[in-house]
Amino acid sequence: MSMHALYVTTAYAITAVVLAGLVGWILLDQRGRKRELAELEASGVRRRSDKAAKS
């Protein structure tokens, strides 16, 4: 494998790892936000948008 091909392959591999990490982080954060929202709704806190939909 030439040095250029090795460089390109390494660059793509690093990019893929970084993107996979970002996607994983986003999915974990989404799960946390959904959990927090469910806790708030269970404690009686409602969304402002719910008032407009019920009126």
Protein backbone atom coordinates (compact mmCIF):
# COMPACT_ATOMS: atom_id res chain seq x y z
CA MET A 1 0.00 0.00 0.00
CA SER A 2 1.39 3.37 -0.94
CA MET A 3 1.89 6.10 1.62
CA HIS A 4 -0.89 8.16 0.05
CA ALA A 5 -3.38 5.29 0.24
CA LEU A 6 -2.39 4.65 3.85
CA TYR A 7 -2.89 8.34 4.66
CA VAL A 8 -6.32 8.43 3.00
CA THR A 9 -7.44 5.20 4.66
CA THR A 10 -6.30 6.46 8.07
CA ALA A 11 -8.07 9.78 7.57
CA TYR A 12 -11.33 8.04 6.65
CA ALA A 13 -11.01 5.66 9.60
CA ILE A 14 -10.45 8.51 12.06
CA THR A 15 -13.39 10.42 10.59
CA ALA A 16 -15.64 7.36 10.89
CA VAL A 17 -14.65 6.85 14.54
CA VAL A 18 -15.29 10.52 15.37
CA LEU A 19 -18.67 10.53 13.62
CA ALA A 20 -19.70 7.29 15.36
CA GLY A 21 -18.72 8.86 18.69
CA LEU A 22 -20.79 11.95 17.99
CA VAL A 23 -23.82 9.89 16.98
CA GLY A 24 -23.47 7.81 20.14
CA TRP A 25 -23.17 10.91 22.28
CA ILE A 26 -26.27 12.43 20.69
CA LEU A 27 -28.29 9.25 21.24
CA LEU A 28 -27.23 9.01 24.89
CA ASP A 29 -28.04 12.69 25.43
CA GLN A 30 -31.44 12.23 23.77
CA ARG A 31 -32.21 9.36 26.13
CA GLY A 32 -31.30 11.54 29.11
CA ARG A 33 -33.43 14.45 27.94
CA LYS A 34 -36.42 12.14 27.39
CA ARG A 35 -35.97 10.73 30.89
CA GLU A 36 -35.82 14.24 32.37
CA LEU A 37 -38.92 15.28 30.43
CA ALA A 38 -40.81 12.20 31.63
CA GLU A 39 -39.83 12.99 35.24
CA LEU A 40 -41.03 16.57 34.87
CA GLU A 41 -44.32 15.51 33.32
CA ALA A 42 -44.81 12.90 36.06
CA SER A 43 -44.31 15.58 38.70
CA GLY A 44 -47.03 17.72 37.17
CA VAL A 45 -44.98 20.14 35.08
CA ARG A 46 -46.56 20.56 31.66
CA ARG A 47 -45.31 22.01 28.40
CA ARG A 48 -46.46 25.45 27.36
CA SER A 49 -47.44 24.02 23.99
CA ASP A 50 -49.95 21.69 25.73
CA LYS A 51 -52.00 24.72 26.84
CA ALA A 52 -52.36 25.96 23.28
CA ALA A 53 -53.39 22.53 21.99
CA LYS A 54 -56.11 22.09 24.66
CA SER A 55 -57.66 25.54 24.15
